[in-house]
Amino acid sequence: MPLPIRIEYRVTLSDVERGVDASAQLIVGQDPEETNEHLTLRVLAWCLLYDPDLEFGPGVTDPDGADLWSHDLTGRVATWIDCGATSAEKLKRVVRHRRGARVHVLLDDAGERERLLAELVRARVAGVRVWLVDAALVRALASHDER
């Protein structure tokens, strides 16, 4: 079984509106089955939804796990983030079993976003924030070996 590839990012964030001024060295494990685009979405999600407690979750190695998450002081999940295609059923389970957690999905495909939003309405899942980032940006960032 191949081991994850260790990828290092150096990130500097500044967002006056949110009061964020942070620099971090992110060390992310990329599973051999994970695409560069998915990894890029995870890093972009970390930047977009930055919280000092936000960590990379199991990602593609656990289909029922989060791509990123944070926990409160009691160990309960406070933030759950999925990147890329996911299902309303999975998100429904997350909302039901992770009461009070902020649930986000980050996508780079407008069609996928519309499909998921419609599915969330049909499944009566509330409280999930769905973000859309530019697919060309994700592809461009994912194509650089020196990411």
N, C-alpha and C. Protein backbone atom coordinates (compact mmCIF):
# COMPACT_ATOMS: atom_id res chain seq x y z
N MET A 1 0.85 -1.18 0.00
CA MET A 1 0.00 0.00 0.00
C MET A 1 0.90 1.25 0.00
N PRO A 2 0.80 2.05 -1.03
CA PRO A 2 1.66 3.25 -1.11
C PRO A 2 1.32 4.26 0.00
N LEU A 3 2.35 4.89 0.49
CA LEU A 3 2.19 5.89 1.54
C LEU A 3 1.84 7.25 0.94
N PRO A 4 1.19 8.11 1.74
CA PRO A 4 0.90 9.46 1.25
C PRO A 4 2.19 10.22 0.96
N ILE A 5 2.07 11.13 0.01
CA ILE A 5 3.19 12.00 -0.34
C ILE A 5 3.12 13.23 0.55
N ARG A 6 4.22 13.61 1.12
CA ARG A 6 4.27 14.77 2.02
C ARG A 6 4.50 16.02 1.17
N ILE A 7 3.53 16.94 1.24
CA ILE A 7 3.62 18.20 0.49
C ILE A 7 3.65 19.34 1.50
N GLU A 8 4.53 20.29 1.27
CA GLU A 8 4.68 21.43 2.18
C GLU A 8 4.27 22.72 1.48
N TYR A 9 3.44 23.49 2.16
CA TYR A 9 3.02 24.80 1.67
C TYR A 9 3.41 25.84 2.71
N ARG A 10 3.79 27.01 2.25
CA ARG A 10 4.00 28.16 3.13
C ARG A 10 2.94 29.18 2.76
N VAL A 11 2.10 29.50 3.73
CA VAL A 11 0.93 30.34 3.47
C VAL A 11 0.97 31.56 4.38
N THR A 12 0.67 32.71 3.79
CA THR A 12 0.50 33.94 4.55
C THR A 12 -0.89 34.48 4.23
N LEU A 13 -1.69 34.70 5.26
CA LEU A 13 -3.05 35.20 5.10
C LEU A 13 -3.20 36.53 5.79
N SER A 14 -3.95 37.42 5.16
CA SER A 14 -4.28 38.70 5.77
C SER A 14 -5.68 39.07 5.34
N ASP A 15 -6.60 39.16 6.29
CA ASP A 15 -7.98 39.52 6.02
C ASP A 15 -8.43 40.46 7.13
N VAL A 16 -8.42 41.74 6.84
CA VAL A 16 -8.74 42.75 7.86
C VAL A 16 -10.16 42.57 8.37
N GLU A 17 -11.11 42.27 7.48
CA GLU A 17 -12.51 42.12 7.88
C GLU A 17 -12.71 41.01 8.91
N ARG A 18 -11.96 39.92 8.78
CA ARG A 18 -12.08 38.82 9.74
C ARG A 18 -11.07 38.91 10.86
N GLY A 19 -10.17 39.88 10.78
CA GLY A 19 -9.14 40.00 11.81
C GLY A 19 -8.10 38.90 11.73
N VAL A 20 -7.82 38.44 10.51
CA VAL A 20 -6.86 37.35 10.31
C VAL A 20 -5.56 37.92 9.78
N ASP A 21 -4.49 37.58 10.46
CA ASP A 21 -3.14 37.90 10.02
C ASP A 21 -2.29 36.71 10.46
N ALA A 22 -2.08 35.77 9.54
CA ALA A 22 -1.44 34.52 9.93
C ALA A 22 -0.45 34.05 8.88
N SER A 23 0.60 33.42 9.36
CA SER A 23 1.56 32.73 8.51
C SER A 23 1.65 31.31 9.02
N ALA A 24 1.69 30.36 8.09
CA ALA A 24 1.75 28.97 8.52
C ALA A 24 2.53 28.14 7.52
N GLN A 25 3.12 27.10 8.02
CA GLN A 25 3.74 26.09 7.20
C GLN A 25 2.81 24.88 7.27
N LEU A 26 2.15 24.59 6.17
CA LEU A 26 1.22 23.47 6.11
C LEU A 26 1.94 22.25 5.57
N ILE A 27 1.85 21.16 6.28
CA ILE A 27 2.38 19.89 5.79
C ILE A 27 1.17 18.99 5.60
N VAL A 28 0.93 18.65 4.34
CA VAL A 28 -0.27 17.91 3.96
C VAL A 28 0.13 16.58 3.34
N GLY A 29 -0.54 15.52 3.76
CA GLY A 29 -0.32 14.22 3.15
C GLY A 29 -1.25 14.04 1.97
N GLN A 30 -0.69 13.81 0.79
CA GLN A 30 -1.50 13.56 -0.40
C GLN A 30 -1.52 12.07 -0.66
N ASP A 31 -2.68 11.47 -0.50
CA ASP A 31 -2.85 10.05 -0.77
C ASP A 31 -2.59 9.80 -2.26
N PRO A 32 -1.97 8.67 -2.62
CA PRO A 32 -1.71 8.40 -4.04
C PRO A 32 -2.98 8.43 -4.91
N GLU A 33 -4.15 8.20 -4.32
CA GLU A 33 -5.40 8.24 -5.07
C GLU A 33 -5.99 9.64 -5.16
N GLU A 34 -5.43 10.59 -4.44
CA GLU A 34 -5.96 11.96 -4.42
C GLU A 34 -5.38 12.75 -5.58
N THR A 35 -6.24 13.43 -6.31
CA THR A 35 -5.77 14.26 -7.43
C THR A 35 -5.13 15.54 -6.91
N ASN A 36 -4.31 16.15 -7.74
CA ASN A 36 -3.72 17.44 -7.38
C ASN A 36 -4.80 18.50 -7.21
N GLU A 37 -5.87 18.40 -8.01
CA GLU A 37 -6.97 19.36 -7.90
C GLU A 37 -7.66 19.25 -6.55
N HIS A 38 -7.88 18.03 -6.07
CA HIS A 38 -8.53 17.85 -4.77
C HIS A 38 -7.64 18.38 -3.65
N LEU A 39 -6.36 18.08 -3.74
CA LEU A 39 -5.42 18.60 -2.74
C LEU A 39 -5.43 20.13 -2.75
N THR A 40 -5.45 20.71 -3.93
CA THR A 40 -5.49 22.17 -4.05
C THR A 40 -6.76 22.73 -3.42
N LEU A 41 -7.90 22.06 -3.65
CA LEU A 41 -9.15 22.49 -3.02
C LEU A 41 -9.04 22.45 -1.50
N ARG A 42 -8.39 21.42 -0.96
CA ARG A 42 -8.24 21.33 0.50
C ARG A 42 -7.41 22.50 1.04
N VAL A 43 -6.34 22.84 0.34
CA VAL A 43 -5.49 23.95 0.79
C VAL A 43 -6.25 25.28 0.64
N LEU A 44 -6.97 25.45 -0.45
CA LEU A 44 -7.76 26.67 -0.63
C LEU A 44 -8.85 26.78 0.44
N ALA A 45 -9.46 25.66 0.80
CA ALA A 45 -10.47 25.66 1.87
C ALA A 45 -9.85 26.08 3.19
N TRP A 46 -8.64 25.60 3.45
CA TRP A 46 -7.94 25.99 4.68
C TRP A 46 -7.75 27.51 4.71
N CYS A 47 -7.39 28.08 3.56
CA CYS A 47 -7.18 29.54 3.48
C CYS A 47 -8.50 30.30 3.59
N LEU A 48 -9.50 29.88 2.84
CA LEU A 48 -10.78 30.57 2.78
C LEU A 48 -11.50 30.55 4.12
N LEU A 49 -11.45 29.42 4.80
CA LEU A 49 -12.19 29.24 6.04
C LEU A 49 -11.27 29.20 7.25
N TYR A 50 -10.15 29.86 7.14
CA TYR A 50 -9.10 29.81 8.16
C TYR A 50 -9.63 30.01 9.58
N ASP A 51 -9.15 29.14 10.42
CA ASP A 51 -9.37 29.20 11.85
C ASP A 51 -8.10 28.59 12.44
N PRO A 52 -7.54 29.15 13.52
CA PRO A 52 -6.29 28.59 14.04
C PRO A 52 -6.38 27.11 14.42
N ASP A 53 -7.59 26.61 14.69
CA ASP A 53 -7.76 25.21 15.08
C ASP A 53 -8.05 24.28 13.91
N LEU A 54 -8.16 24.82 12.70
CA LEU A 54 -8.50 24.02 11.53
C LEU A 54 -7.36 23.08 11.18
N GLU A 55 -7.70 21.81 10.99
CA GLU A 55 -6.71 20.77 10.66
C GLU A 55 -7.17 20.00 9.43
N PHE A 56 -6.21 19.38 8.76
CA PHE A 56 -6.53 18.51 7.65
C PHE A 56 -7.03 17.19 8.21
N GLY A 57 -8.20 16.75 7.70
CA GLY A 57 -8.79 15.49 8.13
C GLY A 57 -8.29 14.34 7.29
N PRO A 58 -8.97 13.21 7.37
CA PRO A 58 -8.52 12.03 6.63
C PRO A 58 -8.63 12.15 5.12
N GLY A 59 -9.48 13.06 4.63
CA GLY A 59 -9.58 13.26 3.18
C GLY A 59 -10.07 12.03 2.46
N VAL A 60 -9.50 11.75 1.29
CA VAL A 60 -9.99 10.66 0.44
C VAL A 60 -9.76 9.28 1.05
N THR A 61 -8.91 9.17 2.05
CA THR A 61 -8.67 7.85 2.66
C THR A 61 -9.87 7.36 3.47
N ASP A 62 -10.78 8.27 3.84
CA ASP A 62 -11.98 7.90 4.59
C ASP A 62 -13.17 8.62 3.97
N PRO A 63 -13.95 7.92 3.15
CA PRO A 63 -15.07 8.57 2.45
C PRO A 63 -16.11 9.17 3.40
N ASP A 64 -16.16 8.71 4.64
CA ASP A 64 -17.09 9.26 5.61
C ASP A 64 -16.46 10.34 6.47
N GLY A 65 -15.18 10.62 6.26
CA GLY A 65 -14.47 11.63 7.04
C GLY A 65 -14.48 12.99 6.36
N ALA A 66 -13.97 13.97 7.08
CA ALA A 66 -13.89 15.34 6.56
C ALA A 66 -12.55 15.56 5.87
N ASP A 67 -12.55 16.49 4.92
CA ASP A 67 -11.29 16.90 4.31
C ASP A 67 -10.52 17.82 5.25
N LEU A 68 -11.26 18.66 5.96
CA LEU A 68 -10.68 19.50 7.01
C LEU A 68 -11.70 19.57 8.15
N TRP A 69 -11.20 19.80 9.34
CA TRP A 69 -12.10 19.96 10.48
C TRP A 69 -11.41 20.64 11.63
N SER A 70 -12.21 21.11 12.56
CA SER A 70 -11.67 21.62 13.81
C SER A 70 -12.53 21.06 14.93
N HIS A 71 -11.96 21.04 16.11
CA HIS A 71 -12.65 20.50 17.29
C HIS A 71 -12.66 21.56 18.38
N ASP A 72 -13.70 21.51 19.22
CA ASP A 72 -13.73 22.44 20.35
C ASP A 72 -12.93 21.84 21.51
N LEU A 73 -12.93 22.51 22.63
CA LEU A 73 -12.11 22.07 23.76
C LEU A 73 -12.56 20.73 24.35
N THR A 74 -13.81 20.33 24.08
CA THR A 74 -14.29 19.04 24.58
C THR A 74 -14.02 17.92 23.60
N GLY A 75 -13.47 18.25 22.42
CA GLY A 75 -13.18 17.24 21.41
C GLY A 75 -14.28 17.08 20.37
N ARG A 76 -15.39 17.79 20.54
CA ARG A 76 -16.47 17.71 19.57
C ARG A 76 -16.08 18.46 18.29
N VAL A 77 -16.56 17.97 17.15
CA VAL A 77 -16.27 18.63 15.88
C VAL A 77 -16.98 19.99 15.86
N ALA A 78 -16.21 21.05 15.63
CA ALA A 78 -16.75 22.41 15.57
C ALA A 78 -16.95 22.85 14.13
N THR A 79 -16.06 22.41 13.23
CA THR A 79 -16.14 22.75 11.81
C THR A 79 -15.87 21.49 11.00
N TRP A 80 -16.67 21.28 9.96
CA TRP A 80 -16.52 20.14 9.05
C TRP A 80 -16.49 20.69 7.64
N ILE A 81 -15.46 20.34 6.88
CA ILE A 81 -15.34 20.84 5.51
C ILE A 81 -15.09 19.67 4.56
N ASP A 82 -15.95 19.57 3.55
CA ASP A 82 -15.75 18.62 2.46
C ASP A 82 -15.32 19.41 1.23
N CYS A 83 -14.41 18.85 0.45
CA CYS A 83 -13.93 19.49 -0.77
C CYS A 83 -14.25 18.58 -1.95
N GLY A 84 -14.79 19.17 -3.01
CA GLY A 84 -15.14 18.38 -4.18
C GLY A 84 -16.49 17.72 -4.00
N ALA A 85 -16.83 16.87 -4.96
CA ALA A 85 -18.14 16.22 -4.99
C ALA A 85 -18.42 15.47 -3.69
N THR A 86 -19.61 15.67 -3.19
CA THR A 86 -20.09 14.97 -2.00
C THR A 86 -21.59 14.80 -2.15
N SER A 87 -22.21 14.08 -1.25
CA SER A 87 -23.65 13.84 -1.37
C SER A 87 -24.41 14.52 -0.25
N ALA A 88 -25.67 14.81 -0.53
CA ALA A 88 -26.53 15.38 0.50
C ALA A 88 -26.72 14.39 1.65
N GLU A 89 -26.74 13.10 1.32
CA GLU A 89 -26.92 12.09 2.38
C GLU A 89 -25.75 12.13 3.38
N LYS A 90 -24.53 12.24 2.86
CA LYS A 90 -23.38 12.33 3.76
C LYS A 90 -23.49 13.59 4.62
N LEU A 91 -23.83 14.71 3.99
CA LEU A 91 -23.94 15.96 4.73
C LEU A 91 -25.08 15.92 5.74
N LYS A 92 -26.14 15.22 5.41
CA LYS A 92 -27.26 15.06 6.34
C LYS A 92 -26.79 14.32 7.60
N ARG A 93 -25.99 13.27 7.40
CA ARG A 93 -25.44 12.52 8.55
C ARG A 93 -24.52 13.42 9.38
N VAL A 94 -23.71 14.23 8.70
CA VAL A 94 -22.80 15.13 9.42
C VAL A 94 -23.59 16.11 10.26
N VAL A 95 -24.60 16.75 9.65
CA VAL A 95 -25.41 17.74 10.38
C VAL A 95 -26.13 17.08 11.55
N ARG A 96 -26.63 15.88 11.35
CA ARG A 96 -27.38 15.17 12.41
C ARG A 96 -26.47 14.72 13.55
N HIS A 97 -25.29 14.19 13.21
CA HIS A 97 -24.43 13.60 14.25
C HIS A 97 -23.37 14.54 14.80
N ARG A 98 -23.16 15.67 14.16
CA ARG A 98 -22.18 16.65 14.62
C ARG A 98 -22.91 17.95 14.98
N ARG A 99 -23.88 17.83 15.86
CA ARG A 99 -24.73 18.96 16.25
C ARG A 99 -23.90 20.19 16.59
N GLY A 100 -24.29 21.31 16.01
CA GLY A 100 -23.62 22.57 16.29
C GLY A 100 -22.39 22.84 15.44
N ALA A 101 -21.96 21.84 14.67
CA ALA A 101 -20.78 22.04 13.82
C ALA A 101 -21.14 22.92 12.63
N ARG A 102 -20.20 23.77 12.25
CA ARG A 102 -20.34 24.55 11.01
C ARG A 102 -19.92 23.63 9.87
N VAL A 103 -20.81 23.45 8.89
CA VAL A 103 -20.56 22.50 7.80
C VAL A 103 -20.42 23.28 6.49
N HIS A 104 -19.31 23.02 5.80
CA HIS A 104 -19.00 23.71 4.54
C HIS A 104 -18.63 22.68 3.48
N VAL A 105 -18.90 23.06 2.23
CA VAL A 105 -18.45 22.29 1.07
C VAL A 105 -17.80 23.27 0.12
N LEU A 106 -16.61 22.94 -0.37
CA LEU A 106 -15.90 23.78 -1.33
C LEU A 106 -15.82 23.04 -2.65
N LEU A 107 -16.37 23.65 -3.70
CA LEU A 107 -16.41 23.05 -5.03
C LEU A 107 -15.75 23.95 -6.05
N ASP A 108 -15.35 23.35 -7.17
CA ASP A 108 -14.79 24.13 -8.28
C ASP A 108 -15.57 23.89 -9.57
N ASP A 109 -16.79 23.38 -9.45
CA ASP A 109 -17.62 23.08 -10.60
C ASP A 109 -19.02 23.64 -10.35
N ALA A 110 -19.44 24.61 -11.15
CA ALA A 110 -20.74 25.27 -10.95
C ALA A 110 -21.89 24.28 -11.11
N GLY A 111 -21.78 23.35 -12.05
CA GLY A 111 -22.82 22.34 -12.23
C GLY A 111 -22.95 21.45 -11.01
N GLU A 112 -21.81 21.06 -10.46
CA GLU A 112 -21.80 20.23 -9.25
C GLU A 112 -22.42 21.01 -8.09
N ARG A 113 -22.14 22.30 -8.02
CA ARG A 113 -22.71 23.13 -6.95
C ARG A 113 -24.23 23.16 -7.05
N GLU A 114 -24.76 23.37 -8.27
CA GLU A 114 -26.21 23.41 -8.47
C GLU A 114 -26.84 22.06 -8.13
N ARG A 115 -26.19 20.97 -8.56
CA ARG A 115 -26.70 19.62 -8.26
C ARG A 115 -26.77 19.41 -6.75
N LEU A 116 -25.70 19.77 -6.03
CA LEU A 116 -25.65 19.57 -4.59
C LEU A 116 -26.69 20.44 -3.88
N LEU A 117 -26.82 21.70 -4.29
CA LEU A 117 -27.82 22.57 -3.65
C LEU A 117 -29.23 22.01 -3.82
N ALA A 118 -29.54 21.52 -5.03
CA ALA A 118 -30.87 20.92 -5.26
C ALA A 118 -31.06 19.67 -4.42
N GLU A 119 -30.01 18.86 -4.33
CA GLU A 119 -30.06 17.63 -3.53
C GLU A 119 -30.25 17.96 -2.05
N LEU A 120 -29.59 19.01 -1.57
CA LEU A 120 -29.74 19.42 -0.16
C LEU A 120 -31.18 19.87 0.12
N VAL A 121 -31.78 20.57 -0.82
CA VAL A 121 -33.17 21.01 -0.65
C VAL A 121 -34.09 19.78 -0.61
N ARG A 122 -33.92 18.85 -1.56
CA ARG A 122 -34.76 17.65 -1.59
C ARG A 122 -34.60 16.82 -0.32
N ALA A 123 -33.38 16.75 0.20
CA ALA A 123 -33.12 15.95 1.41
C ALA A 123 -33.43 16.73 2.69
N ARG A 124 -33.84 17.99 2.54
CA ARG A 124 -34.17 18.85 3.68
C ARG A 124 -33.02 18.99 4.66
N VAL A 125 -31.86 19.29 4.08
CA VAL A 125 -30.66 19.50 4.87
C VAL A 125 -30.41 21.01 4.93
N ALA A 126 -30.40 21.55 6.12
CA ALA A 126 -30.20 22.99 6.29
C ALA A 126 -28.87 23.25 6.99
N GLY A 127 -28.35 24.46 6.77
CA GLY A 127 -27.16 24.89 7.50
C GLY A 127 -25.83 24.55 6.86
N VAL A 128 -25.85 24.03 5.64
CA VAL A 128 -24.61 23.71 4.94
C VAL A 128 -24.26 24.88 4.02
N ARG A 129 -23.06 25.41 4.17
CA ARG A 129 -22.60 26.49 3.29
C ARG A 129 -21.82 25.87 2.14
N VAL A 130 -22.21 26.21 0.92
CA VAL A 130 -21.57 25.66 -0.27
C VAL A 130 -20.83 26.79 -0.97
N TRP A 131 -19.52 26.62 -1.11
CA TRP A 131 -18.64 27.62 -1.71
C TRP A 131 -18.23 27.16 -3.10
N LEU A 132 -18.05 28.13 -4.00
CA LEU A 132 -17.59 27.83 -5.35
C LEU A 132 -16.34 28.65 -5.63
N VAL A 133 -15.25 27.96 -6.02
CA VAL A 133 -14.03 28.65 -6.42
C VAL A 133 -13.83 28.40 -7.91
N ASP A 134 -13.11 29.28 -8.55
CA ASP A 134 -12.88 29.22 -9.98
C ASP A 134 -12.11 27.96 -10.36
N ALA A 135 -12.68 27.16 -11.26
CA ALA A 135 -12.04 25.91 -11.69
C ALA A 135 -10.71 26.16 -12.38
N ALA A 136 -10.61 27.24 -13.16
CA ALA A 136 -9.35 27.54 -13.84
C ALA A 136 -8.25 27.86 -12.83
N LEU A 137 -8.60 28.53 -11.76
CA LEU A 137 -7.62 28.82 -10.70
C LEU A 137 -7.14 27.53 -10.06
N VAL A 138 -8.07 26.64 -9.75
CA VAL A 138 -7.71 25.36 -9.12
C VAL A 138 -6.79 24.56 -10.04
N ARG A 139 -7.15 24.46 -11.32
CA ARG A 139 -6.31 23.73 -12.28
C ARG A 139 -4.92 24.35 -12.40
N ALA A 140 -4.87 25.69 -12.46
CA ALA A 140 -3.58 26.36 -12.59
C ALA A 140 -2.70 26.11 -11.37
N LEU A 141 -3.26 26.22 -10.19
CA LEU A 141 -2.49 25.98 -8.97
C LEU A 141 -2.08 24.52 -8.86
N ALA A 142 -2.97 23.61 -9.25
CA ALA A 142 -2.68 22.18 -9.16
C ALA A 142 -1.63 21.72 -10.15
N SER A 143 -1.45 22.48 -11.23
CA SER A 143 -0.51 22.07 -12.26
C SER A 143 0.95 22.38 -11.92
N HIS A 144 1.19 23.18 -10.89
CA HIS A 144 2.56 23.56 -10.52
C HIS A 144 3.16 22.51 -9.59
N ASP A 145 4.27 21.94 -10.01
CA ASP A 145 4.94 20.95 -9.17
C ASP A 145 5.49 21.57 -7.89
N GLU A 146 5.80 22.84 -7.93
CA GLU A 146 6.38 23.49 -6.74
C GLU A 146 5.31 24.05 -5.82
N ARG A 147 4.06 23.56 -5.95
CA ARG A 147 2.95 24.05 -5.16
C ARG A 147 3.38 24.48 -3.80
